[in-house]
């Protein structure tokens, strides 16, 4: 994802943008789960919500954090099993040119 979709809040509601960032920092803090798994979790949740841009951004972040292609593919299998074909289609749309 090239642009932050929340950038509009810099003008509209900077306090909301600050709180969203603070919550994200909190959610991604801690060490029990490696960062790559946190991004894979968000990637799968975005797939369930039909958000291909989020899937793509978090797949890329997961890979920067050390996730492998195989881990991403297994996440697609799991989301398909639990949440159905629509989620798999969202993942395919988002990841098509990454692999």
N, C-alpha and C. Protein backbone atom coordinates (compact mmCIF):
# COMPACT_ATOMS: atom_id res chain seq x y z
N UNK A 1 0.85 -1.15 0.00
CA UNK A 1 0.00 0.00 0.00
C UNK A 1 0.91 1.23 0.00
N UNK A 2 0.72 2.10 -0.97
CA UNK A 2 1.63 3.21 -1.12
C UNK A 2 1.32 4.37 -0.18
N UNK A 3 0.04 4.67 0.02
CA UNK A 3 -0.35 5.79 0.87
C UNK A 3 -1.08 5.28 2.11
N UNK A 4 -0.87 5.99 3.20
CA UNK A 4 -1.60 5.66 4.42
C UNK A 4 -3.05 6.08 4.24
N UNK A 5 -4.00 5.14 4.30
CA UNK A 5 -5.40 5.51 4.09
C UNK A 5 -5.95 6.40 5.20
N UNK A 6 -5.25 6.48 6.31
CA UNK A 6 -5.71 7.31 7.43
C UNK A 6 -5.14 8.73 7.38
N UNK A 7 -4.33 9.02 6.37
CA UNK A 7 -3.69 10.33 6.25
C UNK A 7 -4.71 11.47 6.26
N UNK A 8 -5.89 11.22 5.75
CA UNK A 8 -6.93 12.25 5.71
C UNK A 8 -7.24 12.79 7.11
N UNK A 9 -7.03 11.97 8.13
CA UNK A 9 -7.30 12.41 9.49
C UNK A 9 -6.29 13.44 10.00
N UNK A 10 -5.16 13.60 9.30
CA UNK A 10 -4.23 14.67 9.67
C UNK A 10 -4.95 16.01 9.64
N UNK A 11 -5.84 16.17 8.66
CA UNK A 11 -6.60 17.42 8.52
C UNK A 11 -7.93 17.35 9.27
N UNK A 12 -8.60 16.22 9.17
CA UNK A 12 -9.95 16.11 9.72
C UNK A 12 -9.99 15.99 11.23
N UNK A 13 -9.12 15.12 11.76
CA UNK A 13 -9.17 14.82 13.20
C UNK A 13 -7.82 14.29 13.66
N UNK A 14 -6.86 15.17 13.86
CA UNK A 14 -5.53 14.72 14.24
C UNK A 14 -5.49 13.94 15.55
N UNK A 15 -6.40 14.25 16.46
CA UNK A 15 -6.43 13.52 17.74
C UNK A 15 -6.82 12.07 17.51
N UNK A 16 -7.79 11.83 16.62
CA UNK A 16 -8.17 10.46 16.28
C UNK A 16 -6.98 9.73 15.66
N UNK A 17 -6.28 10.37 14.75
CA UNK A 17 -5.10 9.76 14.13
C UNK A 17 -4.06 9.39 15.19
N UNK A 18 -3.85 10.27 16.15
CA UNK A 18 -2.89 10.00 17.23
C UNK A 18 -3.34 8.78 18.04
N UNK A 19 -4.63 8.71 18.36
CA UNK A 19 -5.14 7.58 19.15
C UNK A 19 -5.05 6.26 18.38
N UNK A 20 -5.33 6.31 17.08
CA UNK A 20 -5.22 5.10 16.26
C UNK A 20 -3.76 4.62 16.26
N UNK A 21 -2.84 5.55 16.09
CA UNK A 21 -1.42 5.19 16.11
C UNK A 21 -0.99 4.64 17.46
N UNK A 22 -1.49 5.24 18.51
CA UNK A 22 -1.16 4.78 19.86
C UNK A 22 -1.70 3.35 20.08
N UNK A 23 -2.90 3.10 19.62
CA UNK A 23 -3.48 1.76 19.75
C UNK A 23 -2.70 0.74 18.93
N UNK A 24 -2.29 1.12 17.72
CA UNK A 24 -1.50 0.22 16.89
C UNK A 24 -0.18 -0.10 17.58
N UNK A 25 0.48 0.92 18.11
CA UNK A 25 1.74 0.68 18.82
C UNK A 25 1.54 -0.28 19.98
N UNK A 26 0.43 -0.10 20.72
CA UNK A 26 0.14 -1.00 21.83
C UNK A 26 -0.11 -2.43 21.33
N UNK A 27 -0.90 -2.56 20.27
CA UNK A 27 -1.24 -3.89 19.75
C UNK A 27 0.00 -4.64 19.25
N UNK A 28 0.94 -3.91 18.69
CA UNK A 28 2.13 -4.56 18.15
C UNK A 28 3.29 -4.58 19.14
N UNK A 29 3.05 -4.17 20.38
CA UNK A 29 4.10 -4.24 21.39
C UNK A 29 4.11 -5.65 21.99
N UNK A 30 5.03 -5.87 22.85
CA UNK A 30 5.13 -7.19 23.48
C UNK A 30 6.00 -8.12 22.66
N UNK A 31 6.40 -9.18 23.28
CA UNK A 31 7.35 -10.09 22.63
C UNK A 31 6.88 -11.54 22.56
N UNK A 32 5.70 -11.85 23.10
CA UNK A 32 5.24 -13.24 23.10
C UNK A 32 5.01 -13.76 21.68
N UNK A 33 4.47 -12.91 20.81
CA UNK A 33 4.28 -13.28 19.41
C UNK A 33 5.28 -12.51 18.56
N UNK A 34 6.01 -13.20 17.70
CA UNK A 34 6.90 -12.48 16.79
C UNK A 34 6.11 -11.55 15.87
N UNK A 35 6.74 -10.45 15.46
CA UNK A 35 6.09 -9.47 14.60
C UNK A 35 5.50 -10.10 13.33
N UNK A 36 6.20 -11.07 12.75
CA UNK A 36 5.68 -11.66 11.51
C UNK A 36 4.32 -12.30 11.75
N UNK A 37 4.10 -12.92 12.90
CA UNK A 37 2.81 -13.55 13.17
C UNK A 37 1.73 -12.51 13.46
N UNK A 38 2.12 -11.41 14.08
CA UNK A 38 1.15 -10.34 14.31
C UNK A 38 0.65 -9.81 12.97
N UNK A 39 1.56 -9.62 12.02
CA UNK A 39 1.15 -9.13 10.70
C UNK A 39 0.35 -10.18 9.94
N UNK A 40 0.67 -11.45 10.10
CA UNK A 40 -0.13 -12.50 9.46
C UNK A 40 -1.54 -12.50 10.03
N UNK A 41 -1.67 -12.32 11.34
CA UNK A 41 -3.00 -12.24 11.95
C UNK A 41 -3.81 -11.09 11.35
N UNK A 42 -3.20 -9.93 11.26
CA UNK A 42 -3.91 -8.78 10.70
C UNK A 42 -4.23 -9.02 9.23
N UNK A 43 -3.32 -9.64 8.50
CA UNK A 43 -3.55 -9.98 7.09
C UNK A 43 -4.80 -10.84 6.93
N UNK A 44 -4.93 -11.84 7.77
CA UNK A 44 -6.08 -12.75 7.71
C UNK A 44 -7.36 -12.01 8.10
N UNK A 45 -7.30 -11.20 9.12
CA UNK A 45 -8.49 -10.43 9.53
C UNK A 45 -8.91 -9.49 8.40
N UNK A 46 -7.95 -8.85 7.75
CA UNK A 46 -8.28 -7.99 6.61
C UNK A 46 -8.93 -8.80 5.48
N UNK A 47 -8.46 -10.01 5.27
CA UNK A 47 -9.07 -10.86 4.23
C UNK A 47 -10.53 -11.15 4.56
N UNK A 48 -10.80 -11.45 5.81
CA UNK A 48 -12.17 -11.74 6.24
C UNK A 48 -13.06 -10.51 6.05
N UNK A 49 -12.48 -9.33 6.24
CA UNK A 49 -13.24 -8.09 6.09
C UNK A 49 -13.25 -7.58 4.65
N UNK A 50 -12.64 -8.33 3.72
CA UNK A 50 -12.65 -7.93 2.32
C UNK A 50 -11.79 -6.72 2.02
N UNK A 51 -10.67 -6.59 2.70
CA UNK A 51 -9.78 -5.43 2.54
C UNK A 51 -8.46 -5.85 1.89
N UNK A 52 -8.43 -5.95 0.55
CA UNK A 52 -7.21 -6.43 -0.11
C UNK A 52 -5.99 -5.54 0.12
N UNK A 53 -6.19 -4.22 0.25
CA UNK A 53 -5.04 -3.35 0.50
C UNK A 53 -4.38 -3.67 1.84
N UNK A 54 -5.20 -3.97 2.83
CA UNK A 54 -4.67 -4.36 4.13
C UNK A 54 -3.97 -5.70 4.08
N UNK A 55 -4.55 -6.63 3.32
CA UNK A 55 -3.92 -7.95 3.14
C UNK A 55 -2.53 -7.76 2.56
N UNK A 56 -2.45 -6.98 1.49
CA UNK A 56 -1.17 -6.78 0.80
C UNK A 56 -0.16 -6.08 1.71
N UNK A 57 -0.58 -5.03 2.38
CA UNK A 57 0.34 -4.29 3.24
C UNK A 57 0.85 -5.16 4.37
N UNK A 58 -0.02 -5.96 4.96
CA UNK A 58 0.42 -6.79 6.09
C UNK A 58 1.19 -8.02 5.64
N UNK A 59 0.91 -8.54 4.46
CA UNK A 59 1.73 -9.63 3.93
C UNK A 59 3.15 -9.12 3.70
N UNK A 60 3.27 -7.94 3.13
CA UNK A 60 4.60 -7.35 2.90
C UNK A 60 5.31 -7.09 4.23
N UNK A 61 4.57 -6.57 5.21
CA UNK A 61 5.16 -6.31 6.53
C UNK A 61 5.59 -7.62 7.19
N UNK A 62 4.78 -8.65 7.06
CA UNK A 62 5.13 -9.96 7.63
C UNK A 62 6.40 -10.50 7.00
N UNK A 63 6.51 -10.35 5.68
CA UNK A 63 7.71 -10.84 5.01
C UNK A 63 8.94 -10.02 5.39
N UNK A 64 8.77 -8.70 5.56
CA UNK A 64 9.89 -7.89 6.03
C UNK A 64 10.32 -8.32 7.43
N UNK A 65 9.36 -8.84 8.20
CA UNK A 65 9.65 -9.30 9.56
C UNK A 65 10.12 -10.75 9.59
N UNK A 66 10.27 -11.37 8.40
CA UNK A 66 10.83 -12.71 8.34
C UNK A 66 9.88 -13.82 7.93
N UNK A 67 8.63 -13.51 7.66
CA UNK A 67 7.69 -14.56 7.23
C UNK A 67 8.09 -15.08 5.85
N UNK A 68 7.84 -16.34 5.65
CA UNK A 68 8.15 -16.96 4.36
C UNK A 68 6.90 -17.03 3.50
N UNK A 69 7.12 -17.28 2.22
CA UNK A 69 6.01 -17.49 1.29
C UNK A 69 5.14 -18.64 1.79
N UNK A 70 5.77 -19.67 2.29
CA UNK A 70 5.04 -20.84 2.78
C UNK A 70 4.13 -20.50 3.96
N UNK A 71 4.58 -19.64 4.84
CA UNK A 71 3.74 -19.22 5.97
C UNK A 71 2.54 -18.41 5.49
N UNK A 72 2.75 -17.56 4.51
CA UNK A 72 1.64 -16.78 3.95
C UNK A 72 0.64 -17.72 3.28
N UNK A 73 1.13 -18.69 2.52
CA UNK A 73 0.25 -19.66 1.84
C UNK A 73 -0.55 -20.47 2.85
N UNK A 74 0.07 -20.89 3.92
CA UNK A 74 -0.67 -21.65 4.94
C UNK A 74 -1.74 -20.79 5.59
N UNK A 75 -1.46 -19.51 5.78
CA UNK A 75 -2.47 -18.61 6.33
C UNK A 75 -3.67 -18.53 5.38
N UNK A 76 -3.42 -18.50 4.07
CA UNK A 76 -4.51 -18.49 3.09
C UNK A 76 -5.35 -19.77 3.23
N UNK A 77 -4.70 -20.90 3.41
CA UNK A 77 -5.44 -22.17 3.57
C UNK A 77 -6.33 -22.13 4.82
N UNK A 78 -5.78 -21.61 5.90
CA UNK A 78 -6.54 -21.56 7.15
C UNK A 78 -7.72 -20.62 7.02
N UNK A 79 -7.50 -19.43 6.47
CA UNK A 79 -8.61 -18.48 6.34
C UNK A 79 -9.68 -19.03 5.41
N UNK A 80 -9.28 -19.75 4.39
CA UNK A 80 -10.27 -20.37 3.50
C UNK A 80 -11.10 -21.41 4.25
N UNK A 81 -10.45 -22.23 5.04
CA UNK A 81 -11.16 -23.27 5.79
C UNK A 81 -12.15 -22.66 6.78
N UNK A 82 -11.72 -21.67 7.51
CA UNK A 82 -12.54 -21.13 8.58
C UNK A 82 -13.57 -20.12 8.08
N UNK A 83 -13.18 -19.32 7.09
CA UNK A 83 -14.03 -18.18 6.70
C UNK A 83 -14.57 -18.27 5.28
N UNK A 84 -14.12 -19.22 4.50
CA UNK A 84 -14.72 -19.44 3.20
C UNK A 84 -13.98 -18.84 2.02
N UNK A 85 -14.58 -19.10 0.86
CA UNK A 85 -13.96 -18.73 -0.41
C UNK A 85 -13.80 -17.23 -0.58
N UNK A 86 -14.73 -16.44 -0.06
CA UNK A 86 -14.62 -14.99 -0.23
C UNK A 86 -13.31 -14.45 0.33
N UNK A 87 -12.91 -14.98 1.47
CA UNK A 87 -11.64 -14.55 2.07
C UNK A 87 -10.46 -14.98 1.20
N UNK A 88 -10.55 -16.17 0.64
CA UNK A 88 -9.47 -16.65 -0.23
C UNK A 88 -9.39 -15.80 -1.50
N UNK A 89 -10.53 -15.39 -2.03
CA UNK A 89 -10.53 -14.51 -3.21
C UNK A 89 -9.90 -13.15 -2.88
N UNK A 90 -10.21 -12.62 -1.70
CA UNK A 90 -9.60 -11.35 -1.29
C UNK A 90 -8.09 -11.50 -1.19
N UNK A 91 -7.65 -12.61 -0.60
CA UNK A 91 -6.21 -12.88 -0.48
C UNK A 91 -5.58 -13.00 -1.88
N UNK A 92 -6.24 -13.73 -2.78
CA UNK A 92 -5.71 -13.91 -4.12
C UNK A 92 -5.58 -12.57 -4.84
N UNK A 93 -6.60 -11.74 -4.71
CA UNK A 93 -6.58 -10.41 -5.34
C UNK A 93 -5.40 -9.59 -4.80
N UNK A 94 -5.19 -9.66 -3.51
CA UNK A 94 -4.16 -8.85 -2.86
C UNK A 94 -2.76 -9.37 -3.13
N UNK A 95 -2.59 -10.67 -3.19
CA UNK A 95 -1.26 -11.27 -3.24
C UNK A 95 -0.83 -11.69 -4.63
N UNK A 96 -1.72 -11.59 -5.61
CA UNK A 96 -1.48 -12.12 -6.95
C UNK A 96 -0.12 -11.81 -7.55
N UNK A 97 0.32 -10.59 -7.46
CA UNK A 97 1.60 -10.25 -8.10
C UNK A 97 2.78 -10.22 -7.13
N UNK A 98 2.53 -10.62 -5.89
CA UNK A 98 3.62 -10.66 -4.91
C UNK A 98 4.42 -11.95 -4.99
N UNK A 99 3.79 -13.00 -5.50
CA UNK A 99 4.46 -14.32 -5.53
C UNK A 99 4.58 -14.83 -6.94
